[in-house]
């Protein structure tokens, strides 16, 4: 392939916009202060950052579509359209002369860019086979450059985000980013996304046009775990029951149901089924009898001091903290906490996520003094 003709121009070599990052000379304190200033300035919008690989979707003048990698390899551009046949109906539904920017990722936040590489980095037939046997990748769209021949890249970020909301999709594997504009909403969403195991957010000045191959200071900024405190804790072996009712977005494809009248569980995609009468959609952990969250603690005066629960652990941990409880009691984990609230008698961790399991440490080394 030598050309992708849109509006009578070749867009094959289009370079994506880059993100600014804090200089390495910035202290943690300076980063924290600047992040607060940026978020609460009111000048920025935010979208969620997915843990995947960036791709551009081109649909040319003739209606041909191409899913192209963000960077050019030694053998030219990597076109991976054939790796994702389940996305083709959406690509076909788009108007000609369109360019979208997005992330190929998985819906499951515990899957990372490495899992995406196992699909997009192999041969086409293998990629299709792996997705048929497992989970299909999702195209998460977060920006638009051209739409139906209109040069929307010249508009501000917030206007472009509004245009994206007008795209229509019926695919379970196409997601369009939802912009956040209120400072408190942005801050809370950032913490919540990290709490759920997500990557973080991207901040962009509302009036900033799409700037190809540029990294202008403070116009864009990725916020992952910029404000973090690290602490070593251990699992006490105690856990809390799982949430009963499922209230998520995947209800039409949900597989876990319970009949409170007959006290029976039913598995399968029953949302549109006649069997659904009297059935309640329940969470997977509740359905399987797993834990909802696990208790963590530190040692205080040679005694175990619980300091809260963490819920963003894998299903494997939620299952085995119940079935193999003795093996998990006392396991040490290094946590990253967005905030430590020290206003009460017992400091509490806000939006803590597991950074690493520490097989090199024991509970006696996880001391209360870390929290003070």
Protein backbone atom coordinates (compact mmCIF):
# COMPACT_ATOMS: atom_id res chain seq x y z
CA UNK A 1 0.00 0.00 0.00
CA UNK A 2 1.31 3.41 -0.91
CA UNK A 3 -1.68 5.71 -0.42
CA UNK A 4 -4.79 6.40 1.66
CA UNK A 5 -6.60 9.10 -0.31
CA UNK A 6 -9.01 11.30 1.67
CA UNK A 7 -10.19 14.62 0.28
CA UNK A 8 -7.77 14.09 -2.60
CA UNK A 9 -4.74 13.93 -0.28
CA UNK A 10 -2.61 11.00 0.86
CA UNK A 11 -3.01 10.57 4.64
CA UNK A 12 -0.98 7.37 5.00
CA UNK A 13 1.90 9.06 6.84
CA UNK A 14 -0.30 10.96 9.31
CA UNK A 15 1.44 11.29 12.69
CA UNK A 16 -0.57 11.15 15.90
CA UNK A 17 -0.65 13.89 18.50
CA UNK A 18 1.72 13.29 21.43
CA UNK A 19 1.26 13.81 25.15
CA UNK A 20 3.29 16.19 27.26
CA UNK A 21 4.86 14.84 30.46
CA UNK A 22 6.39 16.49 33.50
CA UNK A 23 10.15 17.06 33.21
CA UNK A 24 12.25 14.60 35.20
CA UNK A 25 13.53 17.52 37.26
CA UNK A 26 10.07 18.03 38.82
CA UNK A 27 9.82 16.94 42.44
CA UNK A 28 6.83 14.85 43.51
CA UNK A 29 5.52 17.82 45.45
CA UNK A 30 5.74 20.07 42.39
CA UNK A 31 3.95 17.48 40.25
CA UNK A 32 1.16 17.15 42.78
CA UNK A 33 0.65 20.90 42.96
CA UNK A 34 0.65 21.35 39.20
CA UNK A 35 -1.79 18.49 38.68
CA UNK A 36 -4.19 20.09 41.14
CA UNK A 37 -3.80 23.45 39.39
CA UNK A 38 -4.46 21.91 35.96
CA UNK A 39 -7.49 19.85 37.00
CA UNK A 40 -9.18 22.64 38.92
CA UNK A 41 -8.40 25.39 36.42
CA UNK A 42 -11.56 24.54 34.48
CA UNK A 43 -9.65 24.81 31.19
CA UNK A 44 -9.34 21.06 30.57
CA UNK A 45 -11.49 18.11 29.61
CA UNK A 46 -10.65 14.51 30.45
CA UNK A 47 -11.14 11.11 28.85
CA UNK A 48 -10.22 7.69 30.15
CA UNK A 49 -6.85 6.23 29.14
CA UNK A 50 -7.04 2.55 28.21
CA UNK A 51 -4.17 0.09 28.54
CA UNK A 52 -3.78 -0.99 24.94
CA UNK A 53 -2.18 0.10 21.66
CA UNK A 54 -3.04 3.24 19.71
CA UNK A 55 -4.39 2.74 16.19
CA UNK A 56 -5.80 5.08 13.56
CA UNK A 57 -8.80 4.09 11.48
CA UNK A 58 -8.87 5.53 7.95
CA UNK A 59 -11.80 5.24 5.55
CA UNK A 60 -10.84 6.63 2.17
CA UNK A 61 -12.74 8.24 -0.70
CA UNK A 62 -13.66 4.84 -2.16
CA UNK A 63 -14.93 3.38 1.12
CA UNK A 64 -11.87 1.23 1.81
CA UNK A 65 -10.88 1.14 5.48
CA UNK A 66 -7.50 0.63 7.11
CA UNK A 67 -6.56 0.10 10.76
CA UNK A 68 -3.02 1.46 11.01
CA UNK A 69 -0.52 1.32 13.89
CA UNK A 70 0.70 4.55 15.48
CA UNK A 71 4.31 4.21 14.32
CA UNK A 72 6.10 3.12 11.19
CA UNK A 73 8.28 0.02 11.25
CA UNK A 74 11.34 -0.85 9.18
CA UNK A 75 9.07 -2.46 6.59
CA UNK A 76 6.58 0.41 6.54
CA UNK A 77 3.25 0.93 8.25
CA UNK A 78 1.55 -1.99 9.97
CA UNK A 79 -2.02 -2.34 8.67
CA UNK A 80 -3.99 -4.69 10.95
CA UNK A 81 -7.51 -4.41 9.54
CA UNK A 82 -7.69 -8.16 8.95
CA UNK A 83 -6.92 -8.93 12.59
CA UNK A 84 -10.31 -7.58 13.73
CA UNK A 85 -13.10 -8.83 11.41
CA UNK A 86 -15.66 -8.32 14.18
CA UNK A 87 -15.05 -4.55 13.90
CA UNK A 88 -15.62 -4.41 10.13
CA UNK A 89 -19.40 -3.78 10.32
CA UNK A 90 -18.70 -0.63 12.33
CA UNK A 91 -15.98 0.48 9.92
CA UNK A 92 -18.39 -0.08 7.02
CA UNK A 93 -21.04 2.07 8.73
CA UNK A 94 -18.76 5.11 8.83
CA UNK A 95 -18.90 7.76 6.10
CA UNK A 96 -16.09 7.87 3.55
CA UNK A 97 -13.27 10.38 4.13
CA UNK A 98 -13.07 9.67 7.86
CA UNK A 99 -10.12 9.33 10.27
CA UNK A 100 -10.58 8.21 13.87
CA UNK A 101 -7.99 7.75 16.62
CA UNK A 102 -8.44 5.06 19.24
CA UNK A 103 -7.02 2.33 21.38
CA UNK A 104 -7.20 -1.38 20.67
CA UNK A 105 -7.70 -2.84 24.14
CA UNK A 106 -9.77 -5.25 26.20
CA UNK A 107 -12.85 -4.46 28.27
CA UNK A 108 -11.30 -6.32 31.22
CA UNK A 109 -9.10 -3.87 33.16
CA UNK A 110 -6.90 -6.72 34.36
CA UNK A 111 -5.82 -7.31 30.76
CA UNK A 112 -3.02 -5.04 29.58
CA UNK A 113 -1.22 -3.93 26.45
CA UNK A 114 0.75 -7.19 26.60
CA UNK A 115 -2.50 -9.11 26.09
CA UNK A 116 -3.30 -6.83 23.14
CA UNK A 117 0.12 -7.61 21.65
CA UNK A 118 -0.73 -11.33 21.76
CA UNK A 119 -3.53 -10.54 19.30
CA UNK A 120 -2.33 -7.62 17.20
CA UNK A 121 1.31 -8.74 17.15
CA UNK A 122 0.77 -12.16 15.58
CA UNK A 123 -0.27 -13.30 12.12
CA UNK A 124 -3.78 -12.52 10.93
CA UNK A 125 -5.17 -16.07 11.07
CA UNK A 126 -3.72 -16.62 14.53
CA UNK A 127 -5.19 -13.33 15.75
CA UNK A 128 -8.65 -14.33 14.57
CA UNK A 129 -8.33 -17.80 16.07
CA UNK A 130 -7.22 -16.47 19.46
CA UNK A 131 -10.17 -14.11 19.58
CA UNK A 132 -12.61 -16.85 18.61
CA UNK A 133 -11.27 -19.01 21.43
CA UNK A 134 -11.08 -16.16 23.95
CA UNK A 135 -12.08 -12.52 24.25
CA UNK A 136 -12.26 -10.16 21.29
CA UNK A 137 -10.45 -6.85 21.37
CA UNK A 138 -12.33 -3.55 21.62
CA UNK A 139 -11.78 -0.35 19.62
CA UNK A 140 -11.97 2.53 22.10
CA UNK A 141 -12.32 5.77 20.10
CA UNK A 142 -11.08 8.93 21.78
CA UNK A 143 -10.52 11.43 18.96
CA UNK A 144 -11.59 12.32 15.42
CA UNK A 145 -9.47 14.00 12.74
CA UNK A 146 -11.73 13.83 9.70
CA UNK A 147 -15.42 12.93 9.45
CA UNK A 148 -17.26 12.72 6.16
CA UNK A 149 -14.62 14.94 4.61
CA UNK A 150 -14.85 17.65 7.26
CA UNK A 151 -11.49 18.74 8.75
CA UNK A 152 -12.59 18.54 12.36
CA UNK A 153 -9.00 18.37 13.59
CA UNK A 154 -9.00 22.16 13.36
CA UNK A 155 -11.65 22.36 16.10
CA UNK A 156 -10.98 22.37 19.84
CA UNK A 157 -10.80 19.09 21.79
CA UNK A 158 -14.19 19.58 23.46
CA UNK A 159 -15.89 20.22 20.11
CA UNK A 160 -14.27 17.10 18.64
CA UNK A 161 -15.44 15.09 21.65
CA UNK A 162 -18.96 16.33 20.99
CA UNK A 163 -18.75 15.20 17.37
CA UNK A 164 -17.68 11.73 18.50
CA UNK A 165 -20.82 11.44 20.61
CA UNK A 166 -22.79 11.61 17.37
CA UNK A 167 -21.24 8.40 16.05
CA UNK A 168 -23.58 5.44 16.20
CA UNK A 169 -22.55 1.88 16.94
CA UNK A 170 -24.38 -1.31 17.82
CA UNK A 171 -21.16 -3.27 18.30
CA UNK A 172 -20.27 -4.62 21.74
CA UNK A 173 -16.64 -4.09 20.78
CA UNK A 174 -16.69 -0.40 19.88
CA UNK A 175 -16.60 2.16 22.68
CA UNK A 176 -16.64 5.93 22.34
CA UNK A 177 -14.91 7.96 25.04
CA UNK A 178 -17.10 10.13 27.25
CA UNK A 179 -15.60 13.57 27.97
CA UNK A 180 -15.57 14.95 31.51
CA UNK A 181 -15.39 18.71 31.98
CA UNK A 182 -16.17 19.57 35.61
CA UNK A 183 -13.00 19.65 37.78
CA UNK A 184 -14.48 17.67 40.68
CA UNK A 185 -15.92 15.14 38.23
CA UNK A 186 -12.51 14.78 36.56
CA UNK A 187 -10.72 14.29 39.88
CA UNK A 188 -13.18 11.69 41.15
CA UNK A 189 -13.20 9.84 37.83
CA UNK A 190 -9.41 9.65 37.87
CA UNK A 191 -9.41 8.05 41.30
CA UNK A 192 -12.29 5.73 40.43
CA UNK A 193 -10.64 4.53 37.21
CA UNK A 194 -7.45 3.68 39.08
CA UNK A 195 -9.47 1.98 41.79
CA UNK A 196 -11.02 -0.29 39.17
CA UNK A 197 -7.63 -1.24 37.79
CA UNK A 198 -7.73 1.19 34.85
CA UNK A 199 -4.84 3.16 33.36
CA UNK A 200 -5.88 6.69 34.29
CA UNK A 201 -7.05 9.71 32.31
CA UNK A 202 -5.87 12.07 29.58
CA UNK A 203 -6.29 15.81 30.14
CA UNK A 204 -6.57 18.09 27.13
CA UNK A 205 -7.20 21.82 26.97
CA UNK A 206 -10.75 22.25 25.78
CA UNK A 207 -9.89 24.59 22.90
CA UNK A 208 -6.75 22.74 21.71
CA UNK A 209 -6.94 21.59 18.06
CA UNK A 210 -5.50 18.22 17.07
CA UNK A 211 -1.76 18.85 16.63
CA UNK A 212 -0.02 16.22 14.53
CA UNK A 213 3.29 14.94 15.93
CA UNK A 214 3.46 17.73 18.55
CA UNK A 215 3.94 17.60 22.31
CA UNK A 216 3.18 21.16 23.37
CA UNK A 217 3.68 21.79 27.09
CA UNK A 218 0.53 21.55 29.21
CA UNK A 219 -1.82 21.22 26.25
CA UNK A 220 -2.22 17.49 26.90
CA UNK A 221 -1.21 15.38 29.89
CA UNK A 222 -1.59 11.71 30.79
CA UNK A 223 -2.42 11.14 34.45
CA UNK A 224 -1.80 7.59 35.55
CA UNK A 225 -0.52 7.26 39.10
CA UNK A 226 1.14 10.64 39.55
CA UNK A 227 -0.14 11.13 43.09
CA UNK A 228 0.70 7.95 44.92
CA UNK A 229 2.00 6.78 48.23
CA UNK A 230 3.39 3.27 48.43
CA UNK A 231 2.83 1.08 51.46
CA UNK A 232 3.47 -2.58 52.30
CA UNK A 233 0.52 -4.41 53.88
CA UNK A 234 -0.60 -8.01 54.21
CA UNK A 235 -3.84 -9.93 53.75
CA UNK A 236 -5.36 -10.71 57.14
CA UNK A 237 -7.29 -13.66 55.70
CA UNK A 238 -10.64 -11.98 56.31
CA UNK A 239 -12.86 -10.82 53.49
CA UNK A 240 -16.21 -9.21 52.81
CA UNK A 241 -19.04 -10.83 50.85
CA UNK A 242 -19.53 -9.89 47.22
CA UNK A 243 -22.09 -7.35 46.07
CA UNK A 244 -25.35 -9.10 45.24
CA UNK A 245 -26.97 -7.30 42.30
CA UNK A 246 -25.21 -6.56 39.02
CA UNK A 247 -25.86 -3.02 37.74
CA UNK A 248 -23.22 -2.72 35.00
CA UNK A 249 -23.48 -1.85 31.31
CA UNK A 250 -23.17 -5.41 29.96
CA UNK A 251 -26.67 -6.44 31.07
CA UNK A 252 -27.77 -7.68 27.63
CA UNK A 253 -24.86 -10.13 27.54
CA UNK A 254 -24.76 -10.91 31.26
CA UNK A 255 -24.52 -14.58 32.23
CA UNK A 256 -25.15 -14.68 36.00
CA UNK A 257 -28.74 -14.74 37.31
CA UNK A 258 -30.56 -15.70 40.51
CA UNK A 259 -34.17 -16.47 41.29
CA UNK A 260 -34.84 -15.26 44.85
CA UNK A 261 -38.20 -17.10 44.92
CA UNK A 262 -36.87 -20.56 44.10
CA UNK A 263 -33.39 -19.71 45.43
CA UNK A 264 -31.76 -21.12 42.29
CA UNK A 265 -28.90 -19.87 40.16
CA UNK A 266 -29.09 -19.71 36.36
CA UNK A 267 -26.19 -19.20 33.97
CA UNK A 268 -26.41 -17.95 30.39
CA UNK A 269 -27.28 -14.89 28.34
CA UNK A 270 -30.87 -14.75 29.57
CA UNK A 271 -31.64 -11.03 29.30
CA UNK A 272 -33.93 -11.51 26.28
CA UNK A 273 -35.09 -14.97 27.30
CA UNK A 274 -38.55 -15.92 28.55
CA UNK A 275 -36.74 -17.66 31.40
CA UNK A 276 -35.79 -14.23 32.80
CA UNK A 277 -39.04 -13.82 34.71
CA UNK A 278 -38.26 -13.43 38.43
CA UNK A 279 -34.51 -13.55 37.73
CA UNK A 280 -32.13 -10.96 39.15
CA UNK A 281 -28.78 -10.18 37.49
CA UNK A 282 -26.11 -10.86 40.10
CA UNK A 283 -22.37 -10.24 40.15
CA UNK A 284 -20.01 -13.00 39.11
CA UNK A 285 -18.30 -13.15 42.54
CA UNK A 286 -21.67 -13.46 44.33
CA UNK A 287 -22.84 -16.12 41.87
CA UNK A 288 -19.72 -18.19 42.49
CA UNK A 289 -19.52 -17.62 46.23
CA UNK A 290 -16.34 -15.57 46.02
CA UNK A 291 -15.28 -12.63 48.15
CA UNK A 292 -16.15 -9.08 47.22
CA UNK A 293 -13.08 -7.55 48.84
CA UNK A 294 -10.15 -8.67 50.98
CA UNK A 295 -9.04 -7.15 54.26
CA UNK A 296 -5.55 -5.71 54.60
CA UNK A 297 -3.58 -4.90 57.70
CA UNK A 298 -0.28 -3.87 59.26
CA UNK A 299 1.49 -4.73 62.49
CA UNK A 300 0.90 -2.30 65.37
CA UNK A 301 2.55 -3.02 68.71
CA UNK A 302 3.09 -6.62 67.57
CA UNK A 303 -0.62 -7.07 66.85
CA UNK A 304 -2.53 -7.22 63.58
CA UNK A 305 -4.17 -3.85 62.84
CA UNK A 306 -6.75 -3.97 60.00
CA UNK A 307 -6.74 -0.78 57.95
CA UNK A 308 -9.44 -1.48 55.38
CA UNK A 309 -10.44 -3.61 52.39
CA UNK A 310 -9.42 -3.63 48.73
CA UNK A 311 -11.84 -4.81 46.04
CA UNK A 312 -9.84 -4.35 42.85
CA UNK A 313 -8.17 -7.75 43.00
CA UNK A 314 -8.41 -10.47 40.38
CA UNK A 315 -11.21 -13.03 40.33
CA UNK A 316 -8.60 -15.64 41.18
CA UNK A 317 -7.84 -13.90 44.48
CA UNK A 318 -11.55 -13.38 45.21
CA UNK A 319 -12.10 -17.10 44.72
CA UNK A 320 -9.06 -18.44 46.51
CA UNK A 321 -9.27 -16.15 49.55
CA UNK A 322 -12.42 -18.23 50.21
CA UNK A 323 -11.35 -21.69 49.02
CA UNK A 324 -7.65 -21.52 49.97
CA UNK A 325 -7.87 -19.08 52.84
CA UNK A 326 -4.86 -20.32 54.80
CA UNK A 327 -2.58 -19.91 51.77
CA UNK A 328 -3.54 -16.24 51.39
CA UNK A 329 -3.49 -15.19 55.02
CA UNK A 330 -0.30 -13.21 55.65
CA UNK A 331 0.63 -12.64 52.01
CA UNK A 332 2.34 -9.27 51.61
CA UNK A 333 1.40 -6.79 48.89
CA UNK A 334 2.82 -3.42 47.95
CA UNK A 335 -0.04 -0.98 47.47
CA UNK A 336 -0.21 2.32 45.66
CA UNK A 337 -2.69 4.62 47.37
CA UNK A 338 -3.95 7.76 45.73
CA UNK A 339 -4.57 9.27 49.14
CA UNK A 340 -4.01 8.35 52.77
CA UNK A 341 -6.55 9.98 55.05
CA UNK A 342 -4.84 10.53 58.39
CA UNK A 343 -7.63 12.54 60.01
CA UNK A 344 -9.08 9.62 62.01
CA UNK A 345 -7.72 7.31 64.68
CA UNK A 346 -6.86 4.76 62.01
CA UNK A 347 -5.51 6.13 58.71
CA UNK A 348 -7.46 4.91 55.70
CA UNK A 349 -6.30 4.32 52.15
CA UNK A 350 -8.27 5.85 49.31
CA UNK A 351 -8.33 4.10 45.94
CA UNK A 352 -5.51 1.70 46.76
CA UNK A 353 -4.36 -0.71 44.05
CA UNK A 354 -1.96 -3.62 44.21
CA UNK A 355 1.37 -2.75 42.64
CA UNK A 356 3.20 -5.98 43.42
CA UNK A 357 2.97 -9.18 45.46
CA UNK A 358 5.99 -9.22 47.78
CA UNK A 359 7.23 -12.78 48.29
CA UNK A 360 10.42 -11.29 49.74
CA UNK A 361 8.66 -9.78 52.77
CA UNK A 362 6.71 -11.12 55.73
CA UNK A 363 3.85 -9.54 57.73
CA UNK A 364 6.15 -8.54 60.61
CA UNK A 365 7.85 -6.06 58.26
CA UNK A 366 4.58 -4.25 57.43
CA UNK A 367 4.60 -1.70 60.22
CA UNK A 368 2.00 0.80 61.42
CA UNK A 369 4.57 3.58 61.29
CA UNK A 370 4.31 3.65 57.45
CA UNK A 371 0.92 5.32 57.82
CA UNK A 372 1.97 8.09 60.17
